[in-house]
Structures are given as C-alpha cells and as structure tokens.
PDB file of N, CA and C in Angstrom:
ATOM      1  N   UNK A   1      39.034   7.090 -88.146  1.00  0.00           N
ATOM      2  CA  UNK A   1      39.878   8.163 -87.689  1.00  0.00           C
ATOM      3  C   UNK A   1      40.095   9.122 -88.860  1.00  0.00           C
ATOM      4  N   UNK A   2      39.903  10.367 -88.625  1.00  0.00           N
ATOM      5  CA  UNK A   2      40.049  11.381 -89.663  1.00  0.00           C
ATOM      6  C   UNK A   2      41.519  11.547 -90.046  1.00  0.00           C
ATOM      7  N   UNK A   3      41.744  11.969 -91.279  1.00  0.00           N
ATOM      8  CA  UNK A   3      43.108  12.085 -91.789  1.00  0.00           C
ATOM      9  C   UNK A   3      43.892  13.143 -91.024  1.00  0.00           C
ATOM     10  N   UNK A   4      43.250  14.222 -90.601  1.00  0.00           N
ATOM     11  CA  UNK A   4      43.943  15.256 -89.837  1.00  0.00           C
ATOM     12  C   UNK A   4      44.405  14.749 -88.479  1.00  0.00           C
ATOM     13  N   UNK A   5      43.530  13.998 -87.806  1.00  0.00           N
ATOM     14  CA  UNK A   5      43.894  13.426 -86.507  1.00  0.00           C
ATOM     15  C   UNK A   5      44.997  12.382 -86.664  1.00  0.00           C
ATOM     16  N   UNK A   6      44.932  11.615 -87.753  1.00  0.00           N
ATOM     17  CA  UNK A   6      45.965  10.614 -87.997  1.00  0.00           C
ATOM     18  C   UNK A   6      47.318  11.281 -88.220  1.00  0.00           C
ATOM     19  N   UNK A   7      47.325  12.366 -88.962  1.00  0.00           N
ATOM     20  CA  UNK A   7      48.565  13.076 -89.236  1.00  0.00           C
ATOM     21  C   UNK A   7      49.150  13.676 -87.960  1.00  0.00           C
ATOM     22  N   UNK A   8      48.302  14.262 -87.128  1.00  0.00           N
ATOM     23  CA  UNK A   8      48.767  14.834 -85.860  1.00  0.00           C
ATOM     24  C   UNK A   8      49.315  13.730 -84.954  1.00  0.00           C
ATOM     25  N   UNK A   9      48.620  12.610 -84.897  1.00  0.00           N
ATOM     26  CA  UNK A   9      49.075  11.489 -84.072  1.00  0.00           C
ATOM     27  C   UNK A   9      50.414  10.967 -84.587  1.00  0.00           C
ATOM     28  N   UNK A  10      50.561  10.846 -85.913  1.00  0.00           N
ATOM     29  CA  UNK A  10      51.817  10.381 -86.494  1.00  0.00           C
ATOM     30  C   UNK A  10      52.962  11.318 -86.135  1.00  0.00           C
ATOM     31  N   UNK A  11      52.732  12.609 -86.243  1.00  0.00           N
ATOM     32  CA  UNK A  11      53.790  13.581 -85.942  1.00  0.00           C
ATOM     33  C   UNK A  11      54.193  13.513 -84.473  1.00  0.00           C
ATOM     34  N   UNK A  12      53.211  13.392 -83.584  1.00  0.00           N
ATOM     35  CA  UNK A  12      53.527  13.287 -82.159  1.00  0.00           C
ATOM     36  C   UNK A  12      54.371  12.054 -81.861  1.00  0.00           C
ATOM     37  N   UNK A  13      53.970  10.911 -82.400  1.00  0.00           N
ATOM     38  CA  UNK A  13      54.707   9.674 -82.157  1.00  0.00           C
ATOM     39  C   UNK A  13      56.086   9.739 -82.806  1.00  0.00           C
ATOM     40  N   UNK A  14      56.165  10.314 -84.009  1.00  0.00           N
ATOM     41  CA  UNK A  14      57.449  10.446 -84.689  1.00  0.00           C
ATOM     42  C   UNK A  14      58.423  11.278 -83.859  1.00  0.00           C
ATOM     43  N   UNK A  15      57.955  12.395 -83.348  1.00  0.00           N
ATOM     44  CA  UNK A  15      58.825  13.268 -82.558  1.00  0.00           C
ATOM     45  C   UNK A  15      59.295  12.569 -81.285  1.00  0.00           C
ATOM     46  N   UNK A  16      58.382  11.903 -80.591  1.00  0.00           N
ATOM     47  CA  UNK A  16      58.773  11.192 -79.364  1.00  0.00           C
ATOM     48  C   UNK A  16      59.775  10.078 -79.647  1.00  0.00           C
ATOM     49  N   UNK A  17      59.520   9.290 -80.692  1.00  0.00           N
ATOM     50  CA  UNK A  17      60.439   8.199 -81.022  1.00  0.00           C
ATOM     51  C   UNK A  17      61.786   8.749 -81.497  1.00  0.00           C
ATOM     52  N   UNK A  18      61.759   9.812 -82.288  1.00  0.00           N
ATOM     53  CA  UNK A  18      62.997  10.411 -82.779  1.00  0.00           C
ATOM     54  C   UNK A  18      63.846  10.930 -81.625  1.00  0.00           C
ATOM     55  N   UNK A  19      63.221  11.679 -80.725  1.00  0.00           N
ATOM     56  CA  UNK A  19      63.979  12.248 -79.606  1.00  0.00           C
ATOM     57  C   UNK A  19      64.512  11.182 -78.659  1.00  0.00           C
ATOM     58  N   UNK A  20      63.698  10.180 -78.376  1.00  0.00           N
ATOM     59  CA  UNK A  20      64.165   9.139 -77.456  1.00  0.00           C
ATOM     60  C   UNK A  20      65.288   8.308 -78.084  1.00  0.00           C
ATOM     61  N   UNK A  21      65.195   7.992 -79.366  1.00  0.00           N
ATOM     62  CA  UNK A  21      66.260   7.242 -80.028  1.00  0.00           C
ATOM     63  C   UNK A  21      67.538   8.068 -80.107  1.00  0.00           C
ATOM     64  N   UNK A  22      67.406   9.350 -80.404  1.00  0.00           N
ATOM     65  CA  UNK A  22      68.591  10.218 -80.454  1.00  0.00           C
ATOM     66  C   UNK A  22      69.251  10.313 -79.086  1.00  0.00           C
ATOM     67  N   UNK A  23      68.449  10.419 -78.038  1.00  0.00           N
ATOM     68  CA  UNK A  23      69.006  10.499 -76.688  1.00  0.00           C
ATOM     69  C   UNK A  23      69.704   9.198 -76.299  1.00  0.00           C
ATOM     70  N   UNK A  24      69.108   8.076 -76.638  1.00  0.00           N
ATOM     71  CA  UNK A  24      69.716   6.784 -76.300  1.00  0.00           C
ATOM     72  C   UNK A  24      71.031   6.597 -77.040  1.00  0.00           C
ATOM     73  N   UNK A  25      71.075   6.925 -78.324  1.00  0.00           N
ATOM     74  CA  UNK A  25      72.333   6.758 -79.063  1.00  0.00           C
ATOM     75  C   UNK A  25      73.398   7.723 -78.554  1.00  0.00           C
ATOM     76  N   UNK A  26      73.001   8.928 -78.172  1.00  0.00           N
ATOM     77  CA  UNK A  26      73.974   9.886 -77.637  1.00  0.00           C
ATOM     78  C   UNK A  26      74.539   9.400 -76.303  1.00  0.00           C
ATOM     79  N   UNK A  27      73.674   8.924 -75.424  1.00  0.00           N
ATOM     80  CA  UNK A  27      74.138   8.418 -74.131  1.00  0.00           C
ATOM     81  C   UNK A  27      74.984   7.159 -74.289  1.00  0.00           C
ATOM     82  N   UNK A  28      74.590   6.296 -75.201  1.00  0.00           N
ATOM     83  CA  UNK A  28      75.373   5.081 -75.450  1.00  0.00           C
ATOM     84  C   UNK A  28      76.779   5.446 -75.927  1.00  0.00           C
ATOM     85  N   UNK A  29      76.862   6.365 -76.864  1.00  0.00           N
ATOM     86  CA  UNK A  29      78.169   6.787 -77.357  1.00  0.00           C
ATOM     87  C   UNK A  29      79.005   7.434 -76.275  1.00  0.00           C
ATOM     88  N   UNK A  30      78.368   8.197 -75.420  1.00  0.00           N
ATOM     89  CA  UNK A  30      79.087   8.890 -74.339  1.00  0.00           C
ATOM     90  C   UNK A  30      79.595   7.898 -73.297  1.00  0.00           C
ATOM     91  N   UNK A  31      78.781   6.927 -72.935  1.00  0.00           N
ATOM     92  CA  UNK A  31      79.155   5.965 -71.898  1.00  0.00           C
ATOM     93  C   UNK A  31      80.175   4.956 -72.423  1.00  0.00           C
ATOM     94  N   UNK A  32      79.924   4.386 -73.592  1.00  0.00           N
ATOM     95  CA  UNK A  32      80.770   3.303 -74.097  1.00  0.00           C
ATOM     96  C   UNK A  32      82.040   3.823 -74.761  1.00  0.00           C
ATOM     97  N   UNK A  33      81.915   4.844 -75.618  1.00  0.00           N
ATOM     98  CA  UNK A  33      83.054   5.292 -76.410  1.00  0.00           C
ATOM     99  C   UNK A  33      83.685   6.579 -75.891  1.00  0.00           C
ATOM    100  N   UNK A  34      83.047   7.253 -74.986  1.00  0.00           N
ATOM    101  CA  UNK A  34      83.592   8.480 -74.440  1.00  0.00           C
ATOM    102  C   UNK A  34      83.386   9.699 -75.313  1.00  0.00           C
ATOM    103  N   UNK A  35      82.632   9.563 -76.387  1.00  0.00           N
ATOM    104  CA  UNK A  35      82.339  10.691 -77.276  1.00  0.00           C
ATOM    105  C   UNK A  35      80.846  10.686 -77.574  1.00  0.00           C
ATOM    106  N   UNK A  36      80.263  11.839 -77.544  1.00  0.00           N
ATOM    107  CA  UNK A  36      78.821  11.949 -77.744  1.00  0.00           C
ATOM    108  C   UNK A  36      78.528  12.105 -79.232  1.00  0.00           C
ATOM    109  N   UNK A  37      77.902  11.119 -79.813  1.00  0.00           N
ATOM    110  CA  UNK A  37      77.526  11.172 -81.220  1.00  0.00           C
ATOM    111  C   UNK A  37      76.118  10.648 -81.388  1.00  0.00           C
ATOM    112  N   UNK A  38      75.284  11.405 -82.077  1.00  0.00           N
ATOM    113  CA  UNK A  38      73.899  11.012 -82.283  1.00  0.00           C
ATOM    114  C   UNK A  38      73.785  10.336 -83.641  1.00  0.00           C
ATOM    115  N   UNK A  39      73.127   9.197 -83.680  1.00  0.00           N
ATOM    116  CA  UNK A  39      72.899   8.489 -84.927  1.00  0.00           C
ATOM    117  C   UNK A  39      71.529   8.908 -85.465  1.00  0.00           C
ATOM    118  N   UNK A  40      71.521   9.907 -86.343  1.00  0.00           N
ATOM    119  CA  UNK A  40      70.260  10.427 -86.867  1.00  0.00           C
ATOM    120  C   UNK A  40      69.580   9.445 -87.815  1.00  0.00           C
ATOM    121  N   UNK A  41      70.354   8.597 -88.463  1.00  0.00           N
ATOM    122  CA  UNK A  41      69.766   7.619 -89.371  1.00  0.00           C
ATOM    123  C   UNK A  41      68.832   6.677 -88.612  1.00  0.00           C
ATOM    124  N   UNK A  42      69.317   6.126 -87.507  1.00  0.00           N
ATOM    125  CA  UNK A  42      68.478   5.249 -86.693  1.00  0.00           C
ATOM    126  C   UNK A  42      67.304   6.009 -86.093  1.00  0.00           C
ATOM    127  N   UNK A  43      67.523   7.245 -85.673  1.00  0.00           N
ATOM    128  CA  UNK A  43      66.450   8.026 -85.067  1.00  0.00           C
ATOM    129  C   UNK A  43      65.312   8.266 -86.058  1.00  0.00           C
ATOM    130  N   UNK A  44      65.647   8.574 -87.293  1.00  0.00           N
ATOM    131  CA  UNK A  44      64.608   8.807 -88.306  1.00  0.00           C
ATOM    132  C   UNK A  44      63.886   7.510 -88.645  1.00  0.00           C
ATOM    133  N   UNK A  45      64.632   6.419 -88.793  1.00  0.00           N
ATOM    134  CA  UNK A  45      64.010   5.131 -89.124  1.00  0.00           C
ATOM    135  C   UNK A  45      63.056   4.695 -88.022  1.00  0.00           C
ATOM    136  N   UNK A  46      63.506   4.770 -86.766  1.00  0.00           N
ATOM    137  CA  UNK A  46      62.632   4.385 -85.660  1.00  0.00           C
ATOM    138  C   UNK A  46      61.436   5.334 -85.536  1.00  0.00           C
ATOM    139  N   UNK A  47      61.636   6.615 -85.791  1.00  0.00           N
ATOM    140  CA  UNK A  47      60.536   7.567 -85.749  1.00  0.00           C
ATOM    141  C   UNK A  47      59.461   7.237 -86.774  1.00  0.00           C
ATOM    142  N   UNK A  48      59.873   6.960 -87.992  1.00  0.00           N
ATOM    143  CA  UNK A  48      58.905   6.613 -89.040  1.00  0.00           C
ATOM    144  C   UNK A  48      58.228   5.284 -88.736  1.00  0.00           C
ATOM    145  N   UNK A  49      59.016   4.295 -88.332  1.00  0.00           N
ATOM    146  CA  UNK A  49      58.471   2.973 -88.038  1.00  0.00           C
ATOM    147  C   UNK A  49      57.434   3.019 -86.923  1.00  0.00           C
ATOM    148  N   UNK A  50      57.795   3.620 -85.792  1.00  0.00           N
ATOM    149  CA  UNK A  50      56.855   3.692 -84.676  1.00  0.00           C
ATOM    150  C   UNK A  50      55.691   4.625 -84.981  1.00  0.00           C
ATOM    151  N   UNK A  51      55.931   5.682 -85.748  1.00  0.00           N
ATOM    152  CA  UNK A  51      54.848   6.584 -86.132  1.00  0.00           C
ATOM    153  C   UNK A  51      53.780   5.868 -86.933  1.00  0.00           C
ATOM    154  N   UNK A  52      54.191   5.091 -87.919  1.00  0.00           N
ATOM    155  CA  UNK A  52      53.234   4.343 -88.740  1.00  0.00           C
ATOM    156  C   UNK A  52      52.542   3.275 -87.911  1.00  0.00           C
ATOM    157  N   UNK A  53      53.315   2.511 -87.149  1.00  0.00           N
ATOM    158  CA  UNK A  53      52.753   1.403 -86.382  1.00  0.00           C
ATOM    159  C   UNK A  53      51.744   1.880 -85.344  1.00  0.00           C
ATOM    160  N   UNK A  54      52.120   2.864 -84.524  1.00  0.00           N
ATOM    161  CA  UNK A  54      51.231   3.308 -83.461  1.00  0.00           C
ATOM    162  C   UNK A  54      50.027   4.091 -83.992  1.00  0.00           C
ATOM    163  N   UNK A  55      50.194   4.796 -85.101  1.00  0.00           N
ATOM    164  CA  UNK A  55      49.053   5.484 -85.705  1.00  0.00           C
ATOM    165  C   UNK A  55      48.057   4.469 -86.247  1.00  0.00           C
ATOM    166  N   UNK A  56      48.542   3.419 -86.874  1.00  0.00           N
ATOM    167  CA  UNK A  56      47.671   2.368 -87.384  1.00  0.00           C
ATOM    168  C   UNK A  56      46.932   1.663 -86.242  1.00  0.00           C
ATOM    169  N   UNK A  57      47.655   1.349 -85.159  1.00  0.00           N
ATOM    170  CA  UNK A  57      47.024   0.688 -84.017  1.00  0.00           C
ATOM    171  C   UNK A  57      45.975   1.588 -83.352  1.00  0.00           C
ATOM    172  N   UNK A  58      46.258   2.878 -83.261  1.00  0.00           N
ATOM    173  CA  UNK A  58      45.292   3.818 -82.677  1.00  0.00           C
ATOM    174  C   UNK A  58      44.041   3.918 -83.546  1.00  0.00           C
ATOM    175  N   UNK A  59      44.209   3.934 -84.855  1.00  0.00           N
ATOM    176  CA  UNK A  59      43.058   3.955 -85.759  1.00  0.00           C
ATOM    177  C   UNK A  59      42.209   2.705 -85.623  1.00  0.00           C
ATOM    178  N   UNK A  60      42.855   1.552 -85.519  1.00  0.00           N
ATOM    179  CA  UNK A  60      42.124   0.299 -85.326  1.00  0.00           C
ATOM    180  C   UNK A  60      41.364   0.299 -83.999  1.00  0.00           C
ATOM    181  N   UNK A  61      42.000   0.813 -82.953  1.00  0.00           N
ATOM    182  CA  UNK A  61      41.343   0.859 -81.643  1.00  0.00           C
ATOM    183  C   UNK A  61      40.124   1.769 -81.677  1.00  0.00           C
ATOM    184  N   UNK A  62      40.250   2.924 -82.297  1.00  0.00           N
ATOM    185  CA  UNK A  62      39.127   3.849 -82.380  1.00  0.00           C
ATOM    186  C   UNK A  62      38.002   3.286 -83.230  1.00  0.00           C
ATOM    187  N   UNK A  63      38.349   2.582 -84.312  1.00  0.00           N
ATOM    188  CA  UNK A  63      37.335   1.945 -85.148  1.00  0.00           C
ATOM    189  C   UNK A  63      36.573   0.885 -84.368  1.00  0.00           C
ATOM    190  N   UNK A  64      37.307   0.083 -83.588  1.00  0.00           N
ATOM    191  CA  UNK A  64      36.677  -0.973 -82.787  1.00  0.00           C
ATOM    192  C   UNK A  64      35.769  -0.370 -81.720  1.00  0.00           C
ATOM    193  N   UNK A  65      36.199   0.723 -81.095  1.00  0.00           N
ATOM    194  CA  UNK A  65      35.381   1.373 -80.078  1.00  0.00           C
ATOM    195  C   UNK A  65      34.114   1.964 -80.681  1.00  0.00           C
ATOM    196  N   UNK A  66      34.202   2.515 -81.898  1.00  0.00           N
ATOM    197  CA  UNK A  66      33.018   3.049 -82.563  1.00  0.00           C
ATOM    198  C   UNK A  66      32.047   1.949 -82.900  1.00  0.00           C
ATOM    199  N   UNK A  67      32.553   0.777 -83.334  1.00  0.00           N
ATOM    200  CA  UNK A  67      31.678  -0.349 -83.651  1.00  0.00           C
ATOM    201  C   UNK A  67      30.969  -0.865 -82.396  1.00  0.00           C
ATOM    202  N   UNK A  68      31.651  -0.883 -81.267  1.00  0.00           N
ATOM    203  CA  UNK A  68      31.029  -1.350 -80.030  1.00  0.00           C
ATOM    204  C   UNK A  68      29.957  -0.399 -79.558  1.00  0.00           C
ATOM    205  N   UNK A  69      30.113   0.894 -79.827  1.00  0.00           N
ATOM    206  CA  UNK A  69      29.102   1.868 -79.429  1.00  0.00           C
ATOM    207  C   UNK A  69      27.848   1.723 -80.276  1.00  0.00           C
ATOM    208  N   UNK A  70      28.001   1.312 -81.536  1.00  0.00           N
ATOM    209  CA  UNK A  70      26.845   1.153 -82.409  1.00  0.00           C
ATOM    210  C   UNK A  70      25.956   0.008 -81.943  1.00  0.00           C
ATOM    211  N   UNK A  71      26.551  -1.129 -81.609  1.00  0.00           N
ATOM    212  CA  UNK A  71      25.793  -2.296 -81.202  1.00  0.00           C
ATOM    213  C   UNK A  71      26.477  -2.911 -79.966  1.00  0.00           C
ATOM    214  N   UNK A  72      26.041  -2.546 -78.763  1.00  0.00           N
ATOM    215  CA  UNK A  72      26.713  -3.055 -77.574  1.00  0.00           C
ATOM    216  C   UNK A  72      26.455  -4.526 -77.291  1.00  0.00           C
ATOM    217  N   UNK A  73      25.541  -5.198 -78.033  1.00  0.00           N
ATOM    218  CA  UNK A  73      25.194  -6.573 -77.754  1.00  0.00           C
ATOM    219  C   UNK A  73      25.959  -7.565 -78.615  1.00  0.00           C
ATOM    220  N   UNK A  74      26.975  -7.128 -79.349  1.00  0.00           N
ATOM    221  CA  UNK A  74      27.782  -8.034 -80.169  1.00  0.00           C
ATOM    222  C   UNK A  74      28.675  -8.884 -79.315  1.00  0.00           C
TER     223      UNK A  74
END
C-alpha cells in the first residue's frame, strides 16, 4: 500500500472514529447527566487508535490480495 493511500485511509478512519466517539459522549452526557459535554480526549484517542489499527489491517489485506494475484495456486 502506498504511503499516500495509507495517509488518506488513516485520515478517513480518524475522522469517522473521532466524530462517532464525540457524538456518543455528547449523547451519553445529555441522557445521563442532563448536560451535553463532549469528551475530546477520548475522541482523539479512539480516532488515533482506530486509524492506526484499521489502516494497518487494510494494508495487510491489500498485500495478501496482491500475493494471491501473483500465484493463484498457493
């Protein structure tokens, strides 16, 4: 996987994880405590964590698919 594609994939996953975590913490605070507060610390941590993990898994999947195309009889 090329470094540019990896970076784009990381940014996409980071944004999705960040937004979903921020929305969940905001809704949780609104429902349980009656005040809407977003926990940006957790949102950033989950964004980075899922960004690295899913980008790595996507790179491994693409590498495996390229290897299977080279020799389909493995």
